[in-house]
PDB file of N, CA and C in Angstrom:
ATOM      1  N   MET A   1       0.831  -1.278   0.075  1.00  0.00           N
ATOM      2  CA  MET A   1      -0.164  -0.133  -0.376  1.00  0.00           C
ATOM      3  C   MET A   1       0.969   1.132  -0.122  1.00  0.00           C
ATOM      4  N   ILE A   2       0.215   2.245  -0.755  1.00  0.00           N
ATOM      5  CA  ILE A   2       0.934   3.516  -0.703  1.00  0.00           C
ATOM      6  C   ILE A   2       0.520   4.068   0.324  1.00  0.00           C
ATOM      7  N   THR A   3       1.111   4.609   1.245  1.00  0.00           N
ATOM      8  CA  THR A   3       0.635   5.858   2.134  1.00  0.00           C
ATOM      9  C   THR A   3       1.284   7.403   2.091  1.00  0.00           C
ATOM     10  N   ILE A   4       0.591   7.980   1.515  1.00  0.00           N
ATOM     11  CA  ILE A   4       0.874   9.457   1.478  1.00  0.00           C
ATOM     12  C   ILE A   4       0.228  10.065   3.303  1.00  0.00           C
ATOM     13  N   THR A   5       1.469  11.024   3.161  1.00  0.00           N
ATOM     14  CA  THR A   5       1.657  11.448   4.611  1.00  0.00           C
ATOM     15  C   THR A   5       1.698  12.935   4.367  1.00  0.00           C
ATOM     16  N   VAL A   6       0.770  14.269   4.704  1.00  0.00           N
ATOM     17  CA  VAL A   6       1.212  15.665   4.161  1.00  0.00           C
ATOM     18  C   VAL A   6       0.975  16.148   5.678  1.00  0.00           C
ATOM     19  N   LYS A   7       1.752  17.615   5.943  1.00  0.00           N
ATOM     20  CA  LYS A   7       1.792  18.222   7.174  1.00  0.00           C
ATOM     21  C   LYS A   7       1.787  19.670   6.462  1.00  0.00           C
ATOM     22  N   LYS A   8       0.760  20.187   7.034  1.00  0.00           N
ATOM     23  CA  LYS A   8       0.380  21.453   6.844  1.00  0.00           C
ATOM     24  C   LYS A   8       0.280  22.105   8.479  1.00  0.00           C
ATOM     25  N   ARG A   9       0.557  23.700   8.237  1.00  0.00           N
ATOM     26  CA  ARG A   9       0.149  24.596   9.320  1.00  0.00           C
ATOM     27  C   ARG A   9      -0.213  25.534   8.642  1.00  0.00           C
ATOM     28  N   LYS A  10      -1.780  26.056   9.371  1.00  0.00           N
ATOM     29  CA  LYS A  10      -2.687  26.820   8.690  1.00  0.00           C
ATOM     30  C   LYS A  10      -2.986  26.271   7.281  1.00  0.00           C
ATOM     31  N   ASP A  11      -2.685  27.208   6.514  1.00  0.00           N
ATOM     32  CA  ASP A  11      -2.812  27.176   5.120  1.00  0.00           C
ATOM     33  C   ASP A  11      -1.805  26.737   4.402  1.00  0.00           C
ATOM     34  N   GLN A  12      -0.314  26.594   5.149  1.00  0.00           N
ATOM     35  CA  GLN A  12       0.432  26.340   4.356  1.00  0.00           C
ATOM     36  C   GLN A  12       1.236  24.633   4.518  1.00  0.00           C
ATOM     37  N   TYR A  13       1.451  24.195   3.387  1.00  0.00           N
ATOM     38  CA  TYR A  13       2.192  22.927   3.414  1.00  0.00           C
ATOM     39  C   TYR A  13       3.905  22.966   3.881  1.00  0.00           C
ATOM     40  N   ILE A  14       4.034  22.375   4.641  1.00  0.00           N
ATOM     41  CA  ILE A  14       5.164  21.674   5.860  1.00  0.00           C
ATOM     42  C   ILE A  14       5.918  21.020   4.646  1.00  0.00           C
ATOM     43  N   ASP A  15       5.755  19.446   4.646  1.00  0.00           N
ATOM     44  CA  ASP A  15       5.918  18.077   4.029  1.00  0.00           C
ATOM     45  C   ASP A  15       5.111  17.739   3.462  1.00  0.00           C
ATOM     46  N   PHE A  16       5.210  17.034   2.561  1.00  0.00           N
ATOM     47  CA  PHE A  16       4.542  16.008   1.661  1.00  0.00           C
ATOM     48  C   PHE A  16       5.300  14.494   1.372  1.00  0.00           C
ATOM     49  N   GLN A  17       4.845  13.235   2.261  1.00  0.00           N
ATOM     50  CA  GLN A  17       5.706  12.335   2.331  1.00  0.00           C
ATOM     51  C   GLN A  17       4.802  10.852   1.621  1.00  0.00           C
ATOM     52  N   SER A  18       5.413  10.050   0.451  1.00  0.00           N
ATOM     53  CA  SER A  18       4.640   9.253  -0.142  1.00  0.00           C
ATOM     54  C   SER A  18       5.732   7.785  -0.036  1.00  0.00           C
ATOM     55  N   LYS A  19       4.892   6.954   0.734  1.00  0.00           N
ATOM     56  CA  LYS A  19       6.276   5.610   1.041  1.00  0.00           C
ATOM     57  C   LYS A  19       5.121   4.353   0.797  1.00  0.00           C
ATOM     58  N   GLY A  20       5.879   3.283   0.198  1.00  0.00           N
ATOM     59  CA  GLY A  20       5.326   1.924  -0.162  1.00  0.00           C
ATOM     60  C   GLY A  20       5.084   1.922  -2.059  1.00  0.00           C
ATOM     61  N   HIS A  21       4.582   1.079  -2.174  1.00  0.00           N
ATOM     62  CA  HIS A  21       3.825   0.365  -3.180  1.00  0.00           C
ATOM     63  C   HIS A  21       2.623   0.194  -3.482  1.00  0.00           C
ATOM     64  N   ALA A  22       2.098   0.194  -4.455  1.00  0.00           N
ATOM     65  CA  ALA A  22       0.460  -0.173  -4.051  1.00  0.00           C
ATOM     66  C   ALA A  22       0.245  -1.548  -4.115  1.00  0.00           C
ATOM     67  N   GLY A  23       0.699  -2.113  -4.876  1.00  0.00           N
ATOM     68  CA  GLY A  23       0.231  -3.620  -4.758  1.00  0.00           C
ATOM     69  C   GLY A  23      -0.829  -4.159  -5.504  1.00  0.00           C
ATOM     70  N   TYR A  24      -1.358  -3.132  -6.506  1.00  0.00           N
ATOM     71  CA  TYR A  24      -2.336  -3.570  -7.343  1.00  0.00           C
ATOM     72  C   TYR A  24      -2.148  -4.599  -8.173  1.00  0.00           C
ATOM     73  N   ALA A  25      -0.920  -4.404  -8.841  1.00  0.00           N
ATOM     74  CA  ALA A  25      -0.454  -5.525  -9.960  1.00  0.00           C
ATOM     75  C   ALA A  25       0.973  -5.655 -10.010  1.00  0.00           C
ATOM     76  N   GLU A  26       1.745  -6.894 -10.594  1.00  0.00           N
ATOM     77  CA  GLU A  26       3.034  -6.933 -10.811  1.00  0.00           C
ATOM     78  C   GLU A  26       3.630  -5.120 -10.903  1.00  0.00           C
ATOM     79  N   GLU A  27       5.099  -5.150 -10.722  1.00  0.00           N
ATOM     80  CA  GLU A  27       5.833  -3.859 -11.187  1.00  0.00           C
ATOM     81  C   GLU A  27       5.673  -3.812 -12.553  1.00  0.00           C
ATOM     82  N   GLY A  28       5.670  -2.926 -13.314  1.00  0.00           N
ATOM     83  CA  GLY A  28       5.656  -2.733 -14.481  1.00  0.00           C
ATOM     84  C   GLY A  28       4.082  -2.694 -14.949  1.00  0.00           C
ATOM     85  N   HIS A  29       3.425  -3.355 -14.506  1.00  0.00           N
ATOM     86  CA  HIS A  29       1.609  -2.755 -14.816  1.00  0.00           C
ATOM     87  C   HIS A  29       0.952  -2.593 -13.790  1.00  0.00           C
ATOM     88  N   ASP A  30       1.032  -1.740 -12.833  1.00  0.00           N
ATOM     89  CA  ASP A  30       0.256  -1.343 -11.477  1.00  0.00           C
ATOM     90  C   ASP A  30       0.401  -0.358 -12.000  1.00  0.00           C
ATOM     91  N   ILE A  31      -1.048  -0.156 -12.672  1.00  0.00           N
ATOM     92  CA  ILE A  31      -1.701   1.288 -12.940  1.00  0.00           C
ATOM     93  C   ILE A  31      -1.921   2.377 -11.531  1.00  0.00           C
ATOM     94  N   VAL A  32      -2.055   1.475 -10.589  1.00  0.00           N
ATOM     95  CA  VAL A  32      -1.997   2.404  -9.287  1.00  0.00           C
ATOM     96  C   VAL A  32      -1.228   3.628  -8.755  1.00  0.00           C
ATOM     97  N   CYS A  33      -0.240   2.933  -9.279  1.00  0.00           N
ATOM     98  CA  CYS A  33       1.512   3.180  -8.759  1.00  0.00           C
ATOM     99  C   CYS A  33       1.205   4.383 -10.038  1.00  0.00           C
ATOM    100  N   ALA A  34       1.899   3.693 -11.072  1.00  0.00           N
ATOM    101  CA  ALA A  34       1.892   4.950 -12.591  1.00  0.00           C
ATOM    102  C   ALA A  34       1.355   6.430 -12.228  1.00  0.00           C
ATOM    103  N   ALA A  35      -0.718   6.200 -11.525  1.00  0.00           N
ATOM    104  CA  ALA A  35      -1.177   6.973 -11.474  1.00  0.00           C
ATOM    105  C   ALA A  35      -0.668   8.135 -10.404  1.00  0.00           C
ATOM    106  N   VAL A  36       0.258   7.488  -9.106  1.00  0.00           N
ATOM    107  CA  VAL A  36       0.107   8.225  -8.367  1.00  0.00           C
ATOM    108  C   VAL A  36       1.565   9.189  -8.552  1.00  0.00           C
ATOM    109  N   SER A  37       2.645   7.860  -9.466  1.00  0.00           N
ATOM    110  CA  SER A  37       3.839   8.223  -9.325  1.00  0.00           C
ATOM    111  C   SER A  37       3.623   9.354 -10.829  1.00  0.00           C
ATOM    112  N   ALA A  38       2.716   9.518 -11.424  1.00  0.00           N
ATOM    113  CA  ALA A  38       2.803  10.710 -12.319  1.00  0.00           C
ATOM    114  C   ALA A  38       2.237  11.910 -11.851  1.00  0.00           C
ATOM    115  N   LEU A  39       1.296  12.042 -10.747  1.00  0.00           N
ATOM    116  CA  LEU A  39       0.639  13.318 -10.227  1.00  0.00           C
ATOM    117  C   LEU A  39       2.098  13.551  -9.648  1.00  0.00           C
ATOM    118  N   ILE A  40       2.679  12.939  -8.353  1.00  0.00           N
ATOM    119  CA  ILE A  40       3.544  13.348  -7.719  1.00  0.00           C
ATOM    120  C   ILE A  40       4.805  13.702  -8.855  1.00  0.00           C
ATOM    121  N   ILE A  41       5.281  13.466  -9.508  1.00  0.00           N
ATOM    122  CA  ILE A  41       6.430  13.863 -10.684  1.00  0.00           C
ATOM    123  C   ILE A  41       5.963  14.954 -11.098  1.00  0.00           C
ATOM    124  N   THR A  42       4.811  15.338 -11.468  1.00  0.00           N
ATOM    125  CA  THR A  42       4.571  16.342 -12.794  1.00  0.00           C
ATOM    126  C   THR A  42       4.487  17.673 -11.364  1.00  0.00           C
ATOM    127  N   THR A  43       3.683  17.330 -10.431  1.00  0.00           N
ATOM    128  CA  THR A  43       3.692  18.162  -9.581  1.00  0.00           C
ATOM    129  C   THR A  43       5.361  18.957  -9.077  1.00  0.00           C
ATOM    130  N   VAL A  44       6.067  18.286  -8.748  1.00  0.00           N
ATOM    131  CA  VAL A  44       7.484  18.843  -8.814  1.00  0.00           C
ATOM    132  C   VAL A  44       8.048  19.206  -9.502  1.00  0.00           C
ATOM    133  N   ASN A  45       8.155  18.852 -10.750  1.00  0.00           N
ATOM    134  CA  ASN A  45       8.576  19.515 -12.231  1.00  0.00           C
ATOM    135  C   ASN A  45       7.655  20.971 -12.106  1.00  0.00           C
ATOM    136  N   SER A  46       6.427  20.939 -11.556  1.00  0.00           N
ATOM    137  CA  SER A  46       5.391  22.067 -11.394  1.00  0.00           C
ATOM    138  C   SER A  46       6.281  22.698 -10.622  1.00  0.00           C
ATOM    139  N   LEU A  47       6.575  22.632  -9.612  1.00  0.00           N
ATOM    140  CA  LEU A  47       6.614  23.614  -8.485  1.00  0.00           C
ATOM    141  C   LEU A  47       8.673  24.238  -9.282  1.00  0.00           C
ATOM    142  N   GLU A  48       8.767  23.477  -9.617  1.00  0.00           N
ATOM    143  CA  GLU A  48      10.125  23.780  -9.682  1.00  0.00           C
ATOM    144  C   GLU A  48      10.115  24.855 -11.037  1.00  0.00           C
ATOM    145  N   THR A  49       9.376  24.630 -12.227  1.00  0.00           N
ATOM    146  CA  THR A  49       9.268  25.055 -13.126  1.00  0.00           C
ATOM    147  C   THR A  49       8.660  26.662 -13.291  1.00  0.00           C
ATOM    148  N   PHE A  50       7.133  26.639 -12.538  1.00  0.00           N
ATOM    149  CA  PHE A  50       6.233  27.617 -12.548  1.00  0.00           C
ATOM    150  C   PHE A  50       6.041  28.602 -11.456  1.00  0.00           C
ATOM    151  N   THR A  51       7.057  28.364 -10.324  1.00  0.00           N
ATOM    152  CA  THR A  51       6.357  28.887  -9.027  1.00  0.00           C
ATOM    153  C   THR A  51       8.209  29.069  -8.255  1.00  0.00           C
ATOM    154  N   LYS A  52       8.275  29.888  -7.236  1.00  0.00           N
ATOM    155  CA  LYS A  52       9.308  30.504  -6.592  1.00  0.00           C
ATOM    156  C   LYS A  52       9.148  29.803  -5.389  1.00  0.00           C
ATOM    157  N   GLU A  53       8.752  28.667  -5.359  1.00  0.00           N
ATOM    158  CA  GLU A  53       8.547  28.290  -4.255  1.00  0.00           C
ATOM    159  C   GLU A  53      10.017  27.229  -3.569  1.00  0.00           C
ATOM    160  N   CYS A  54      10.182  27.315  -2.785  1.00  0.00           N
ATOM    161  CA  CYS A  54      11.864  26.963  -1.471  1.00  0.00           C
ATOM    162  C   CYS A  54      11.377  25.654  -1.263  1.00  0.00           C
ATOM    163  N   PHE A  55      12.018  24.427  -1.648  1.00  0.00           N
ATOM    164  CA  PHE A  55      11.445  23.213  -1.488  1.00  0.00           C
ATOM    165  C   PHE A  55      12.215  22.429  -1.949  1.00  0.00           C
ATOM    166  N   GLN A  56      12.462  21.433  -0.529  1.00  0.00           N
ATOM    167  CA  GLN A  56      13.887  19.814  -1.525  1.00  0.00           C
ATOM    168  C   GLN A  56      13.143  18.890  -1.796  1.00  0.00           C
ATOM    169  N   VAL A  57      13.630  17.694  -2.607  1.00  0.00           N
ATOM    170  CA  VAL A  57      12.674  16.877  -2.843  1.00  0.00           C
ATOM    171  C   VAL A  57      13.982  15.739  -2.434  1.00  0.00           C
ATOM    172  N   SER A  58      12.999  14.194  -2.011  1.00  0.00           N
ATOM    173  CA  SER A  58      14.406  13.342  -1.903  1.00  0.00           C
ATOM    174  C   SER A  58      13.724  12.120  -2.345  1.00  0.00           C
ATOM    175  N   GLU A  59      14.295  11.212  -3.058  1.00  0.00           N
ATOM    176  CA  GLU A  59      13.301  10.194  -3.619  1.00  0.00           C
ATOM    177  C   GLU A  59      14.175   8.453  -3.607  1.00  0.00           C
ATOM    178  N   ARG A  60      13.656   7.558  -3.609  1.00  0.00           N
ATOM    179  CA  ARG A  60      14.232   6.824  -3.666  1.00  0.00           C
ATOM    180  C   ARG A  60      13.149   5.491  -4.058  1.00  0.00           C
ATOM    181  N   ASP A  61      13.599   4.387  -4.456  1.00  0.00           N
ATOM    182  CA  ASP A  61      12.374   3.710  -4.552  1.00  0.00           C
ATOM    183  C   ASP A  61      11.128   3.179  -3.628  1.00  0.00           C
ATOM    184  N   GLY A  62      10.078   3.860  -4.066  1.00  0.00           N
ATOM    185  CA  GLY A  62       9.013   3.829  -3.108  1.00  0.00           C
ATOM    186  C   GLY A  62       9.015   4.927  -2.192  1.00  0.00           C
ATOM    187  N   PHE A  63       9.648   5.882  -2.074  1.00  0.00           N
ATOM    188  CA  PHE A  63       9.615   6.697  -1.679  1.00  0.00           C
ATOM    189  C   PHE A  63      10.258   8.289  -2.093  1.00  0.00           C
ATOM    190  N   VAL A  64       9.037   9.576  -1.708  1.00  0.00           N
ATOM    191  CA  VAL A  64       9.231  10.562  -2.269  1.00  0.00           C
ATOM    192  C   VAL A  64       9.338  11.067  -0.898  1.00  0.00           C
ATOM    193  N   SER A  65       9.776  12.403  -0.837  1.00  0.00           N
ATOM    194  CA  SER A  65       9.515  13.577   0.400  1.00  0.00           C
ATOM    195  C   SER A  65       9.794  15.009  -0.444  1.00  0.00           C
ATOM    196  N   ILE A  66       8.469  15.823  -0.089  1.00  0.00           N
ATOM    197  CA  ILE A  66       8.842  17.050  -0.228  1.00  0.00           C
ATOM    198  C   ILE A  66       8.825  17.825   0.971  1.00  0.00           C
ATOM    199  N   HIS A  67       9.994  18.711   0.977  1.00  0.00           N
ATOM    200  CA  HIS A  67       9.748  19.851   2.076  1.00  0.00           C
ATOM    201  C   HIS A  67       9.991  21.163   1.922  1.00  0.00           C
ATOM    202  N   PHE A  68       9.167  21.533   2.607  1.00  0.00           N
ATOM    203  CA  PHE A  68       8.893  23.204   1.693  1.00  0.00           C
ATOM    204  C   PHE A  68       9.005  24.370   2.863  1.00  0.00           C
ATOM    205  N   SER A  69      10.314  24.931   2.281  1.00  0.00           N
ATOM    206  CA  SER A  69      10.751  25.869   3.497  1.00  0.00           C
ATOM    207  C   SER A  69      10.529  27.632   3.387  1.00  0.00           C
ATOM    208  N   GLY A  70       9.757  27.933   4.413  1.00  0.00           N
ATOM    209  CA  GLY A  70       8.744  29.007   4.130  1.00  0.00           C
ATOM    210  C   GLY A  70       7.804  29.343   3.646  1.00  0.00           C
ATOM    211  N   THR A  71       7.022  30.357   3.410  1.00  0.00           N
ATOM    212  CA  THR A  71       5.594  30.410   2.945  1.00  0.00           C
ATOM    213  C   THR A  71       5.712  30.433   1.828  1.00  0.00           C
ATOM    214  N   ASN A  72       4.592  29.054   1.210  1.00  0.00           N
ATOM    215  CA  ASN A  72       4.152  29.172   0.070  1.00  0.00           C
ATOM    216  C   ASN A  72       3.745  30.011  -0.733  1.00  0.00           C
ATOM    217  N   THR A  73       4.177  29.605  -1.924  1.00  0.00           N
ATOM    218  CA  THR A  73       3.583  30.785  -2.998  1.00  0.00           C
ATOM    219  C   THR A  73       2.060  29.765  -3.453  1.00  0.00           C
ATOM    220  N   ASP A  74       1.014  31.352  -4.337  1.00  0.00           N
ATOM    221  CA  ASP A  74      -0.244  31.183  -3.859  1.00  0.00           C
ATOM    222  C   ASP A  74      -0.190  29.860  -5.109  1.00  0.00           C
ATOM    223  N   GLU A  75       0.663  30.159  -6.510  1.00  0.00           N
ATOM    224  CA  GLU A  75       0.378  29.067  -7.132  1.00  0.00           C
ATOM    225  C   GLU A  75       1.473  27.400  -6.748  1.00  0.00           C
ATOM    226  N   GLY A  76       2.268  27.350  -5.747  1.00  0.00           N
ATOM    227  CA  GLY A  76       2.305  26.552  -4.925  1.00  0.00           C
ATOM    228  C   GLY A  76       1.233  25.940  -3.879  1.00  0.00           C
ATOM    229  N   LYS A  77       0.907  26.464  -3.731  1.00  0.00           N
ATOM    230  CA  LYS A  77      -0.612  26.017  -2.467  1.00  0.00           C
ATOM    231  C   LYS A  77      -1.484  25.508  -3.816  1.00  0.00           C
ATOM    232  N   LEU A  78      -1.870  26.184  -5.111  1.00  0.00           N
ATOM    233  CA  LEU A  78      -2.735  25.721  -5.737  1.00  0.00           C
ATOM    234  C   LEU A  78      -2.494  24.197  -6.560  1.00  0.00           C
ATOM    235  N   LEU A  79      -1.079  24.075  -6.886  1.00  0.00           N
ATOM    236  CA  LEU A  79      -0.100  22.854  -7.155  1.00  0.00           C
ATOM    237  C   LEU A  79      -0.453  21.848  -6.466  1.00  0.00           C
ATOM    238  N   MET A  80      -0.166  21.852  -5.400  1.00  0.00           N
ATOM    239  CA  MET A  80      -0.235  20.838  -3.766  1.00  0.00           C
ATOM    240  C   MET A  80      -1.613  20.891  -3.818  1.00  0.00           C
ATOM    241  N   ASN A  81      -2.808  21.318  -3.862  1.00  0.00           N
ATOM    242  CA  ASN A  81      -4.065  21.281  -3.403  1.00  0.00           C
ATOM    243  C   ASN A  81      -4.588  20.462  -4.833  1.00  0.00           C
ATOM    244  N   SER A  82      -4.234  20.313  -5.857  1.00  0.00           N
ATOM    245  CA  SER A  82      -4.809  19.771  -7.078  1.00  0.00           C
ATOM    246  C   SER A  82      -3.703  18.415  -6.917  1.00  0.00           C
ATOM    247  N   LEU A  83      -2.316  17.958  -6.492  1.00  0.00           N
ATOM    248  CA  LEU A  83      -2.272  16.787  -6.144  1.00  0.00           C
ATOM    249  C   LEU A  83      -2.742  15.850  -5.139  1.00  0.00           C
ATOM    250  N   LEU A  84      -3.506  16.817  -3.862  1.00  0.00           N
ATOM    251  CA  LEU A  84      -4.133  16.115  -2.687  1.00  0.00           C
ATOM    252  C   LEU A  84      -5.222  15.942  -3.841  1.00  0.00           C
ATOM    253  N   LEU A  85      -5.880  16.384  -4.763  1.00  0.00           N
ATOM    254  CA  LEU A  85      -7.594  15.987  -5.060  1.00  0.00           C
ATOM    255  C   LEU A  85      -6.895  15.335  -5.987  1.00  0.00           C
ATOM    256  N   GLY A  86      -6.454  15.071  -7.116  1.00  0.00           N
ATOM    257  CA  GLY A  86      -5.980  14.209  -7.583  1.00  0.00           C
ATOM    258  C   GLY A  86      -5.475  12.453  -6.823  1.00  0.00           C
ATOM    259  N   LEU A  87      -5.128  12.816  -6.007  1.00  0.00           N
ATOM    260  CA  LEU A  87      -4.501  11.706  -4.697  1.00  0.00           C
ATOM    261  C   LEU A  87      -5.770  10.625  -3.971  1.00  0.00           C
ATOM    262  N   THR A  88      -6.458  11.758  -3.401  1.00  0.00           N
ATOM    263  CA  THR A  88      -7.895  11.278  -2.959  1.00  0.00           C
ATOM    264  C   THR A  88      -8.818  10.604  -3.647  1.00  0.00           C
ATOM    265  N   GLU A  89      -8.842  11.029  -5.044  1.00  0.00           N
ATOM    266  CA  GLU A  89      -9.601  10.370  -5.801  1.00  0.00           C
ATOM    267  C   GLU A  89      -9.624   8.998  -6.045  1.00  0.00           C
ATOM    268  N   ILE A  90      -8.061   8.791  -6.536  1.00  0.00           N
ATOM    269  CA  ILE A  90      -7.287   7.678  -6.699  1.00  0.00           C
ATOM    270  C   ILE A  90      -7.777   6.890  -5.565  1.00  0.00           C
ATOM    271  N   GLU A  91      -7.690   7.664  -4.291  1.00  0.00           N
ATOM    272  CA  GLU A  91      -7.676   6.933  -2.925  1.00  0.00           C
ATOM    273  C   GLU A  91      -9.236   6.491  -2.943  1.00  0.00           C
ATOM    274  N   HIS A  92     -10.093   6.875  -3.170  1.00  0.00           N
ATOM    275  CA  HIS A  92     -11.843   6.463  -3.148  1.00  0.00           C
ATOM    276  C   HIS A  92     -11.979   5.482  -4.045  1.00  0.00           C
ATOM    277  N   SER A  93     -11.379   5.666  -5.310  1.00  0.00           N
ATOM    278  CA  SER A  93     -11.675   5.259  -6.599  1.00  0.00           C
ATOM    279  C   SER A  93     -11.313   3.711  -6.295  1.00  0.00           C
ATOM    280  N   TYR A  94     -10.266   3.421  -5.239  1.00  0.00           N
ATOM    281  CA  TYR A  94     -10.144   1.949  -5.228  1.00  0.00           C
ATOM    282  C   TYR A  94     -10.226   1.619  -3.297  1.00  0.00           C
ATOM    283  N   ASN A  95     -11.534   2.665  -3.225  1.00  0.00           N
ATOM    284  CA  ASN A  95     -11.869   2.458  -1.654  1.00  0.00           C
ATOM    285  C   ASN A  95     -10.727   2.233  -1.069  1.00  0.00           C
ATOM    286  N   ASN A  96      -9.357   2.932  -0.509  1.00  0.00           N
ATOM    287  CA  ASN A  96      -8.332   2.928  -0.068  1.00  0.00           C
ATOM    288  C   ASN A  96      -7.465   1.629   0.496  1.00  0.00           C
ATOM    289  N   ARG A  97      -7.865   0.644  -0.942  1.00  0.00           N
ATOM    290  CA  ARG A  97      -7.080  -0.489  -0.690  1.00  0.00           C
ATOM    291  C   ARG A  97      -5.471  -0.298  -0.694  1.00  0.00           C
ATOM    292  N   TYR A  98      -5.524   0.558  -1.654  1.00  0.00           N
ATOM    293  CA  TYR A  98      -3.369   0.385  -2.386  1.00  0.00           C
ATOM    294  C   TYR A  98      -3.098   1.497  -2.082  1.00  0.00           C
ATOM    295  N   LEU A  99      -3.879   3.041  -1.850  1.00  0.00           N
ATOM    296  CA  LEU A  99      -3.676   3.924  -1.099  1.00  0.00           C
ATOM    297  C   LEU A  99      -3.984   4.959  -0.340  1.00  0.00           C
ATOM    298  N   THR A 100      -3.497   5.408   0.754  1.00  0.00           N
ATOM    299  CA  THR A 100      -3.937   6.278   1.867  1.00  0.00           C
ATOM    300  C   THR A 100      -3.202   7.457   2.188  1.00  0.00           C
ATOM    301  N   VAL A 101      -4.114   8.209   1.849  1.00  0.00           N
ATOM    302  CA  VAL A 101      -3.814   9.489   2.173  1.00  0.00           C
ATOM    303  C   VAL A 101      -3.792  10.495   3.546  1.00  0.00           C
ATOM    304  N   LYS A 102      -3.761  11.007   4.454  1.00  0.00           N
ATOM    305  CA  LYS A 102      -3.469  11.205   5.398  1.00  0.00           C
ATOM    306  C   LYS A 102      -2.771  13.248   5.412  1.00  0.00           C
ATOM    307  N   VAL A 103      -4.077  14.234   5.959  1.00  0.00           N
ATOM    308  CA  VAL A 103      -3.656  15.441   5.744  1.00  0.00           C
ATOM    309  C   VAL A 103      -3.406  15.715   7.204  1.00  0.00           C
ATOM    310  N   LYS A 104      -2.277  15.994   7.928  1.00  0.00           N
ATOM    311  CA  LYS A 104      -2.066  16.413   9.339  1.00  0.00           C
ATOM    312  C   LYS A 104      -1.652  18.186   9.476  1.00  0.00           C
ATOM    313  N   GLU A 105      -2.610  18.032  10.331  1.00  0.00           N
ATOM    314  CA  GLU A 105      -2.203  19.745  10.853  1.00  0.00           C
ATOM    315  C   GLU A 105      -1.535  20.115  11.866  1.00  0.00           C
ATOM    316  N   VAL A 106       0.023  20.412  12.081  1.00  0.00           N
ATOM    317  CA  VAL A 106       1.100  20.481  12.900  1.00  0.00           C
ATOM    318  C   VAL A 106       1.091  21.527  13.361  1.00  0.00           C
TER     319      VAL A 106
END
């Protein structure tokens, strides 16, 4: 299962973390993993290309972390809100069997 944990403080994104594999199908055929990966990669690339957001990314097999420094830009918040929307839609489509999204206020 993929576990997504998002930490926010008021209206600001602090940290995003994705851990694990969906387990929907074998590697290379897992559409849930592919969809989650595509959303996360596109968001990171969009944050880098279209915003002045200050953040650091760490990634390895089955793990991605985005840590934000300072105040989020309006564009950065919009991109992160869109990422969460896409991820929660996937979560609900598969009845939380392959993906869990948690948003924590810190």
